[in-house]
Amino acid sequence: MEQPRNEESDAEQADLPAEEEADVEELQAAPSRVIHEVVRRQGDEELDRPARSLFWSGIVAGVVMAASVLGRGLIESHLPDTPWRLAVSSIGYALGFVIVVLGRLQLFTESTLSAVIPFAAHPTPRNLLRLGRLWGIVLTANLLGTLLIAYLVSAGWMGTPAATKAMLDTSRSLLELSGWDAVRAGVPAGFLMAGVAWSLPGARNQQFFVILFITYFISLGEFAHVVAGGLEAWMLWLAGEASLDWVLGGFLAPALIGNILGGSVLFGLLAHVQVREEL
């Protein structure tokens, strides 16, 4: 009995004027398999980019991510120490992410999804090597970019004393995290950033708000993002408030593990599994 109803429904749709049918197609949300294919193709393109292009794009992304720490820090510096302070200042945390994502710069946590989908679709040794190559280049470049900007700011060659103080003040919350805390805080950050990459193809003209909304909650939840948090960790080290051992082993490595688990294992593989039978 279901088939006649489906045929009737198809007939009703076929009776729409061509202009209205076009409107339906335009307003209809893209199926998950279409989103999956868009992300897969984007990932394939990134995997095939020259190493030098990936590296310099990653450097720029690392430098730009300073805007997130600066944005949150500056807003916090103008607010009283109240329970709602973080809820307001977290808006500034989105600043660097908006520039990086809309500018199509190479940010490691976004690459954890777009680059893992081609491997999930075709798990071959070649694709695994391509994935490792991309991750290695982008992560290294991102961290070098954050180290560069942290040094320039800490040395007084960029910004103002007030801006430097604001960035340091907002960075000190990292010192409260143990290694295991950083892993746990890194998982939701990786998951949410993968959500950005997955949501953008269907966001059309609302991409700015998708990035703003999701990254706002990364800050509000005080989750650990390996690149933005890496800048904060470098600044604490350069200010003499943290050791290099803590930066590398106490924050960066645990946050990286958490970001990969959240972005690749939880979001990436689950996003692929849901459409695997439709491909």
Protein backbone atom coordinates (compact mmCIF):
# COMPACT_ATOMS: atom_id res chain seq x y z
CA MET A 1 0.00 0.00 0.00
CA GLU A 2 3.00 2.30 0.44
CA GLN A 3 3.96 2.29 -3.23
CA PRO A 4 0.76 3.97 -4.54
CA ARG A 5 1.16 6.75 -1.98
CA ASN A 6 4.76 7.30 -3.11
CA GLU A 7 3.67 7.38 -6.74
CA GLU A 8 0.91 9.84 -5.89
CA SER A 9 3.42 12.00 -4.05
CA ASP A 10 5.78 11.90 -7.02
CA ALA A 11 2.92 12.88 -9.32
CA GLU A 12 2.00 15.80 -7.11
CA GLN A 13 5.59 17.02 -7.20
CA ALA A 14 5.72 16.61 -10.97
CA ASP A 15 2.70 18.93 -11.35
CA LEU A 16 4.59 21.91 -9.92
CA PRO A 17 5.49 24.66 -12.38
CA ALA A 18 9.13 24.65 -13.43
CA GLU A 19 9.86 27.85 -11.51
CA GLU A 20 8.42 26.45 -8.28
CA GLU A 21 10.22 23.14 -8.79
CA ALA A 22 13.47 25.09 -9.02
CA ASP A 23 12.59 26.88 -5.78
CA VAL A 24 12.00 23.52 -4.08
CA GLU A 25 15.40 22.27 -5.22
CA GLU A 26 17.07 25.45 -4.00
CA LEU A 27 15.42 25.40 -0.57
CA GLN A 28 15.74 21.68 0.03
CA ALA A 29 18.52 20.71 2.44
CA ALA A 30 21.30 18.68 0.87
CA PRO A 31 21.26 14.97 1.81
CA SER A 32 24.02 13.69 4.08
CA ARG A 33 25.63 11.78 1.23
CA VAL A 34 25.96 15.03 -0.74
CA ILE A 35 27.60 16.77 2.23
CA HIS A 36 29.87 13.75 2.59
CA GLU A 37 30.91 13.96 -1.06
CA VAL A 38 31.59 17.70 -0.84
CA VAL A 39 33.81 17.21 2.21
CA ARG A 40 35.51 14.20 0.59
CA ARG A 41 36.36 16.17 -2.55
CA GLN A 42 37.64 19.09 -0.49
CA GLY A 43 39.77 16.67 1.49
CA ASP A 44 41.13 15.09 -1.69
CA GLU A 45 42.11 18.51 -3.00
CA GLU A 46 43.93 19.35 0.23
CA LEU A 47 45.71 15.97 0.27
CA ASP A 48 47.06 16.63 -3.23
CA ARG A 49 48.30 20.18 -2.60
CA PRO A 50 52.06 20.79 -2.78
CA ALA A 51 53.86 20.55 0.55
CA ARG A 52 55.12 24.12 0.29
CA SER A 53 51.61 25.47 -0.24
CA LEU A 54 50.32 23.53 2.76
CA PHE A 55 53.21 24.70 4.91
CA TRP A 56 52.87 28.42 4.22
CA SER A 57 49.10 28.29 4.50
CA GLY A 58 49.57 26.58 7.87
CA ILE A 59 52.07 29.22 9.00
CA VAL A 60 49.62 32.00 8.17
CA ALA A 61 46.81 30.15 9.94
CA GLY A 62 48.96 29.80 13.06
CA VAL A 63 49.73 33.52 13.04
CA VAL A 64 46.09 34.44 12.47
CA MET A 65 44.94 32.27 15.38
CA ALA A 66 46.55 34.84 17.67
CA ALA A 67 43.47 36.92 16.91
CA SER A 68 41.33 34.45 18.86
CA VAL A 69 43.45 34.72 21.99
CA LEU A 70 43.71 38.49 21.56
CA GLY A 71 39.98 38.89 20.95
CA ARG A 72 38.98 36.97 24.05
CA GLY A 73 41.71 38.57 26.15
CA LEU A 74 40.84 42.13 25.19
CA ILE A 75 37.16 41.66 25.94
CA GLU A 76 37.97 40.04 29.29
CA SER A 77 40.25 42.93 30.20
CA HIS A 78 37.32 45.33 29.89
CA LEU A 79 34.92 43.26 32.00
CA PRO A 80 34.60 42.90 35.77
CA ASP A 81 35.54 39.57 37.34
CA THR A 82 32.04 38.08 37.40
CA PRO A 83 30.54 34.62 36.67
CA TRP A 84 29.26 35.81 33.27
CA ARG A 85 32.61 37.23 32.14
CA LEU A 86 33.56 34.16 30.07
CA ALA A 87 30.13 34.05 28.45
CA VAL A 88 30.79 37.50 26.97
CA SER A 89 34.51 37.29 26.22
CA SER A 90 34.12 33.98 24.35
CA ILE A 91 32.67 35.94 21.45
CA GLY A 92 36.17 37.30 20.80
CA TYR A 93 37.58 33.77 20.61
CA ALA A 94 35.82 33.27 17.28
CA LEU A 95 37.84 36.06 15.61
CA GLY A 96 40.81 34.00 14.44
CA PHE A 97 38.66 31.02 13.46
CA VAL A 98 36.44 33.17 11.25
CA ILE A 99 39.45 34.54 9.36
CA VAL A 100 41.15 31.16 9.02
CA VAL A 101 38.11 29.12 7.96
CA LEU A 102 36.55 31.67 5.60
CA GLY A 103 40.02 32.39 4.18
CA ARG A 104 40.51 28.65 3.50
CA LEU A 105 43.79 28.59 5.42
CA GLN A 106 45.18 25.29 6.68
CA LEU A 107 44.09 24.71 10.28
CA PHE A 108 44.92 21.33 11.77
CA THR A 109 41.64 20.63 13.54
CA GLU A 110 39.61 21.38 10.42
CA SER A 111 41.89 19.09 8.41
CA THR A 112 41.21 16.24 10.83
CA LEU A 113 37.76 15.87 9.25
CA SER A 114 38.17 16.95 5.62
CA ALA A 115 41.32 14.87 5.18
CA VAL A 116 40.10 11.80 7.05
CA ILE A 117 36.94 11.34 4.95
CA PRO A 118 38.88 10.28 1.79
CA PHE A 119 40.77 7.75 3.91
CA ALA A 120 37.56 6.49 5.53
CA ALA A 121 35.99 6.10 2.08
CA HIS A 122 39.06 4.32 0.66
CA PRO A 123 41.28 3.04 3.52
CA THR A 124 44.36 2.24 1.45
CA PRO A 125 48.03 2.53 2.49
CA ARG A 126 48.45 5.33 -0.05
CA ASN A 127 45.61 7.36 1.46
CA LEU A 128 46.98 6.75 4.95
CA LEU A 129 50.35 8.15 3.85
CA ARG A 130 48.64 11.14 2.24
CA LEU A 131 46.72 11.76 5.45
CA GLY A 132 49.85 11.55 7.60
CA ARG A 133 51.69 13.89 5.23
CA LEU A 134 48.96 16.53 5.42
CA TRP A 135 48.56 16.31 9.17
CA GLY A 136 52.31 16.46 9.77
CA ILE A 137 52.87 19.49 7.55
CA VAL A 138 49.84 21.45 8.73
CA LEU A 139 50.33 20.79 12.44
CA THR A 140 54.02 21.68 12.29
CA ALA A 141 53.28 24.86 10.35
CA ASN A 142 50.43 25.87 12.67
CA LEU A 143 52.59 25.48 15.76
CA LEU A 144 55.51 27.34 14.18
CA GLY A 145 53.14 30.16 13.26
CA THR A 146 51.83 30.38 16.82
CA LEU A 147 55.39 30.28 18.20
CA LEU A 148 56.43 33.09 15.86
CA ILE A 149 53.58 35.38 16.83
CA ALA A 150 53.96 34.52 20.53
CA TYR A 151 57.63 35.50 20.36
CA LEU A 152 56.94 38.77 18.54
CA VAL A 153 54.23 39.72 21.02
CA SER A 154 56.23 38.67 24.10
CA ALA A 155 59.32 40.54 22.87
CA GLY A 156 57.29 43.72 22.50
CA TRP A 157 57.72 43.92 18.74
CA MET A 158 53.99 43.65 18.07
CA GLY A 159 50.92 44.96 19.81
CA THR A 160 50.70 47.01 22.97
CA PRO A 161 51.55 46.19 26.59
CA ALA A 162 47.83 46.10 27.36
CA ALA A 163 47.20 43.60 24.56
CA THR A 164 50.10 41.40 25.68
CA LYS A 165 48.84 41.44 29.27
CA ALA A 166 45.33 40.56 28.11
CA MET A 167 46.61 37.58 26.11
CA LEU A 168 48.70 36.34 29.06
CA ASP A 169 45.85 36.74 31.51
CA THR A 170 43.48 34.64 29.41
CA SER A 171 46.20 32.04 28.79
CA ARG A 172 46.82 31.24 32.46
CA SER A 173 43.76 29.00 32.69
CA LEU A 174 45.79 26.37 30.79
CA LEU A 175 48.09 25.99 33.79
CA GLU A 176 45.21 24.43 35.72
CA LEU A 177 45.00 21.49 33.30
CA SER A 178 46.72 18.18 33.88
CA GLY A 179 47.72 16.09 30.87
CA TRP A 180 44.60 13.96 31.20
CA ASP A 181 42.47 17.10 31.57
CA ALA A 182 43.93 18.38 28.28
CA VAL A 183 43.05 15.12 26.51
CA ARG A 184 39.48 15.24 27.78
CA ALA A 185 39.14 18.94 26.95
CA GLY A 186 40.62 18.31 23.50
CA VAL A 187 37.99 15.75 22.47
CA PRO A 188 35.01 18.16 22.34
CA ALA A 189 37.17 20.83 20.70
CA GLY A 190 38.13 18.41 17.92
CA PHE A 191 34.54 17.23 17.60
CA LEU A 192 33.16 20.76 17.33
CA MET A 193 35.79 21.87 14.81
CA ALA A 194 34.97 18.83 12.68
CA GLY A 195 31.37 19.97 12.96
CA VAL A 196 32.40 23.29 11.41
CA ALA A 197 33.92 21.54 8.40
CA TRP A 198 30.88 19.27 8.03
CA SER A 199 28.32 22.08 8.40
CA LEU A 200 29.81 24.68 6.06
CA PRO A 201 28.80 23.03 2.73
CA GLY A 202 25.14 23.23 3.75
CA ALA A 203 25.37 26.62 5.43
CA ARG A 204 25.28 28.59 2.16
CA ASN A 205 25.29 32.27 3.15
CA GLN A 206 25.33 31.58 6.89
CA GLN A 207 28.91 30.33 7.16
CA PHE A 208 30.02 33.23 9.35
CA PHE A 209 27.37 32.44 11.94
CA VAL A 210 28.15 28.70 11.91
CA ILE A 211 31.81 29.41 12.69
CA LEU A 212 30.95 32.05 15.29
CA PHE A 213 28.41 29.85 17.08
CA ILE A 214 30.51 26.68 17.23
CA THR A 215 33.83 28.28 18.17
CA TYR A 216 32.07 30.40 20.79
CA PHE A 217 31.19 27.23 22.64
CA ILE A 218 34.74 25.89 22.35
CA SER A 219 35.81 28.89 24.39
CA LEU A 220 32.80 28.87 26.70
CA GLY A 221 33.42 25.22 27.54
CA GLU A 222 37.13 25.95 27.99
CA PHE A 223 37.95 23.11 25.65
CA ALA A 224 41.53 22.55 24.47
CA HIS A 225 42.30 23.49 20.87
CA VAL A 226 45.85 22.47 20.00
CA VAL A 227 46.57 25.51 17.81
CA ALA A 228 44.84 28.33 19.70
CA GLY A 229 45.90 26.75 22.98
CA GLY A 230 49.38 26.28 21.56
CA LEU A 231 49.73 30.04 21.21
CA GLU A 232 48.69 30.47 24.83
CA ALA A 233 51.16 27.80 25.95
CA TRP A 234 54.03 29.41 24.01
CA MET A 235 53.26 32.77 25.59
CA LEU A 236 53.30 31.28 29.08
CA TRP A 237 56.66 29.66 28.33
CA LEU A 238 58.16 32.86 26.93
CA ALA A 239 56.89 34.77 29.97
CA GLY A 240 58.67 32.30 32.26
CA GLU A 241 55.41 30.98 33.72
CA ALA A 242 55.66 27.48 32.22
CA SER A 243 58.44 25.10 31.24
CA LEU A 244 59.06 23.84 27.71
CA ASP A 245 58.46 20.30 28.97
CA TRP A 246 55.00 21.33 30.11
CA VAL A 247 54.25 23.06 26.80
CA LEU A 248 55.19 20.02 24.72
CA GLY A 249 54.23 17.14 26.98
CA GLY A 250 51.77 18.67 29.39
CA PHE A 251 49.57 20.52 26.91
CA LEU A 252 50.35 20.18 23.20
CA ALA A 253 50.61 16.39 23.04
CA PRO A 254 47.52 15.70 25.18
CA ALA A 255 45.45 18.36 23.38
CA LEU A 256 46.54 16.92 20.03
CA ILE A 257 45.43 13.44 21.06
CA GLY A 258 42.08 14.78 22.21
CA ASN A 259 41.54 16.81 19.03
CA ILE A 260 42.29 13.79 16.84
CA LEU A 261 40.01 11.54 18.87
CA GLY A 262 37.18 14.06 18.73
CA GLY A 263 37.59 15.19 15.13
CA SER A 264 38.69 12.01 13.35
CA VAL A 265 37.50 9.06 15.40
CA LEU A 266 34.24 10.37 16.83
CA PHE A 267 33.00 12.82 14.20
CA GLY A 268 34.86 11.82 11.03
CA LEU A 269 34.34 8.07 11.13
CA LEU A 270 30.77 8.34 12.42
CA ALA A 271 29.93 10.87 9.70
CA HIS A 272 31.24 8.39 7.14
CA VAL A 273 29.49 5.34 8.61
CA GLN A 274 26.06 7.01 8.47
CA VAL A 275 26.22 7.32 4.66
CA ARG A 276 28.43 4.35 3.78
CA GLU A 277 25.52 2.23 2.54
CA GLU A 278 24.30 5.07 0.31
CA LEU A 279 27.59 5.63 -1.51
